């Protein structure tokens, strides 16, 4: 089981698996992995990443808040299944998906 981000956009549900390596960037900038097009979202608003098997969110905006479970975030927090992230214009849920880990993908037998 892996964590994923889930949100709705234009009446469509979007699910983005959180990678075991690397960073998921969230913000208004076109170079972000999750683009939230609104002036109340910073160009580089937050980052989600996994370290030692634990998933974290880091709030990086100097001007616009990120909320984790209804509380304003400061710095870095651990993400857990069922958490709710609120950016000024979007509610994002932390959910679970059945997605093979990198190890499982590498060791799966070939057909």
Protein backbone atom coordinates (compact mmCIF):
# COMPACT_ATOMS: atom_id res chain seq x y z
CA UNK A 1 0.00 0.00 0.00
CA UNK A 2 1.28 3.46 -0.91
CA UNK A 3 0.06 6.93 -0.16
CA UNK A 4 -1.36 9.11 -2.92
CA UNK A 5 -2.85 12.57 -3.27
CA UNK A 6 -6.49 12.75 -4.39
CA UNK A 7 -8.42 15.84 -5.45
CA UNK A 8 -11.10 16.99 -7.87
CA UNK A 9 -10.52 19.35 -10.74
CA UNK A 10 -13.16 20.33 -13.31
CA UNK A 11 -15.45 17.50 -12.09
CA UNK A 12 -12.66 14.94 -12.57
CA UNK A 13 -11.02 12.98 -9.76
CA UNK A 14 -7.23 13.02 -9.92
CA UNK A 15 -5.02 10.54 -8.06
CA UNK A 16 -1.28 11.09 -7.92
CA UNK A 17 0.86 8.40 -6.25
CA UNK A 18 3.53 9.81 -3.95
CA UNK A 19 6.87 8.48 -5.19
CA UNK A 20 9.30 6.60 -2.98
CA UNK A 21 12.09 8.81 -4.29
CA UNK A 22 12.08 12.41 -5.43
CA UNK A 23 9.76 15.30 -4.67
CA UNK A 24 6.19 16.20 -5.64
CA UNK A 25 6.10 19.99 -6.01
CA UNK A 26 2.85 21.88 -5.46
CA UNK A 27 2.23 25.46 -6.51
CA UNK A 28 1.11 27.92 -9.16
CA UNK A 29 4.26 27.56 -11.27
CA UNK A 30 4.09 25.66 -14.55
CA UNK A 31 7.09 23.60 -13.45
CA UNK A 32 5.21 22.12 -10.45
CA UNK A 33 3.93 18.53 -10.45
CA UNK A 34 0.59 19.71 -9.02
CA UNK A 35 -0.36 23.08 -10.54
CA UNK A 36 -3.00 25.08 -8.65
CA UNK A 37 -3.84 28.06 -10.85
CA UNK A 38 -4.85 30.78 -8.43
CA UNK A 39 -3.17 33.96 -7.21
CA UNK A 40 -3.56 32.83 -3.58
CA UNK A 41 -1.21 29.88 -4.25
CA UNK A 42 2.51 30.61 -4.37
CA UNK A 43 4.59 29.63 -7.39
CA UNK A 44 6.42 27.13 -5.17
CA UNK A 45 3.96 26.46 -2.34
CA UNK A 46 4.81 23.06 -0.83
CA UNK A 47 6.75 19.86 -1.42
CA UNK A 48 5.89 16.25 -0.60
CA UNK A 49 8.60 13.62 -0.38
CA UNK A 50 9.41 10.26 1.23
CA UNK A 51 12.43 9.78 3.48
CA UNK A 52 13.29 6.44 5.11
CA UNK A 53 9.84 5.08 4.19
CA UNK A 54 7.97 7.99 5.81
CA UNK A 55 6.12 10.64 3.74
CA UNK A 56 6.40 14.32 4.63
CA UNK A 57 5.04 17.65 3.45
CA UNK A 58 7.15 20.80 3.66
CA UNK A 59 5.47 24.19 3.48
CA UNK A 60 7.78 26.51 1.53
CA UNK A 61 5.59 29.54 0.72
CA UNK A 62 6.56 32.72 2.54
CA UNK A 63 3.21 34.43 1.97
CA UNK A 64 0.35 31.91 1.55
CA UNK A 65 -0.60 29.24 4.09
CA UNK A 66 -0.89 25.47 3.76
CA UNK A 67 -3.28 23.73 6.14
CA UNK A 68 -2.84 20.16 7.40
CA UNK A 69 -6.00 18.79 9.01
CA UNK A 70 -7.31 22.32 9.59
CA UNK A 71 -4.16 23.76 11.16
CA UNK A 72 -1.71 26.15 9.53
CA UNK A 73 1.53 24.38 8.75
CA UNK A 74 4.97 25.60 9.63
CA UNK A 75 7.99 23.76 8.26
CA UNK A 76 7.78 19.99 7.76
CA UNK A 77 5.09 17.54 8.93
CA UNK A 78 4.58 13.81 8.52
CA UNK A 79 1.71 12.78 6.21
CA UNK A 80 -0.61 9.96 7.21
CA UNK A 81 -3.46 8.11 5.55
CA UNK A 82 -6.63 10.20 5.86
CA UNK A 83 -4.90 13.55 6.25
CA UNK A 84 -6.43 16.56 4.53
CA UNK A 85 -4.30 19.23 2.93
CA UNK A 86 -5.89 22.58 2.18
CA UNK A 87 -4.23 25.05 -0.11
CA UNK A 88 -5.95 28.42 -0.50
CA UNK A 89 -8.09 27.09 -3.39
CA UNK A 90 -8.01 23.30 -3.21
CA UNK A 91 -8.67 20.48 -0.75
CA UNK A 92 -6.34 17.52 -1.30
CA UNK A 93 -6.84 14.18 0.48
CA UNK A 94 -4.08 11.76 1.41
CA UNK A 95 -5.34 8.32 0.44
CA UNK A 96 -3.97 4.82 -0.06
CA UNK A 97 -3.63 2.95 -3.33
CA UNK A 98 -2.44 -0.48 -4.34
CA UNK A 99 0.64 0.53 -6.29
CA UNK A 100 3.70 -1.67 -6.37
CA UNK A 101 6.80 -0.29 -4.71
CA UNK A 102 9.97 0.23 -6.73
CA UNK A 103 11.30 -3.01 -5.27
CA UNK A 104 8.18 -4.94 -6.32
CA UNK A 105 8.36 -3.51 -9.85
CA UNK A 106 12.03 -4.41 -10.20
CA UNK A 107 11.60 -7.97 -9.00
CA UNK A 108 8.36 -8.87 -10.78
CA UNK A 109 8.85 -11.82 -13.14
CA UNK A 110 8.65 -11.04 -16.83
CA UNK A 111 5.84 -12.69 -18.84
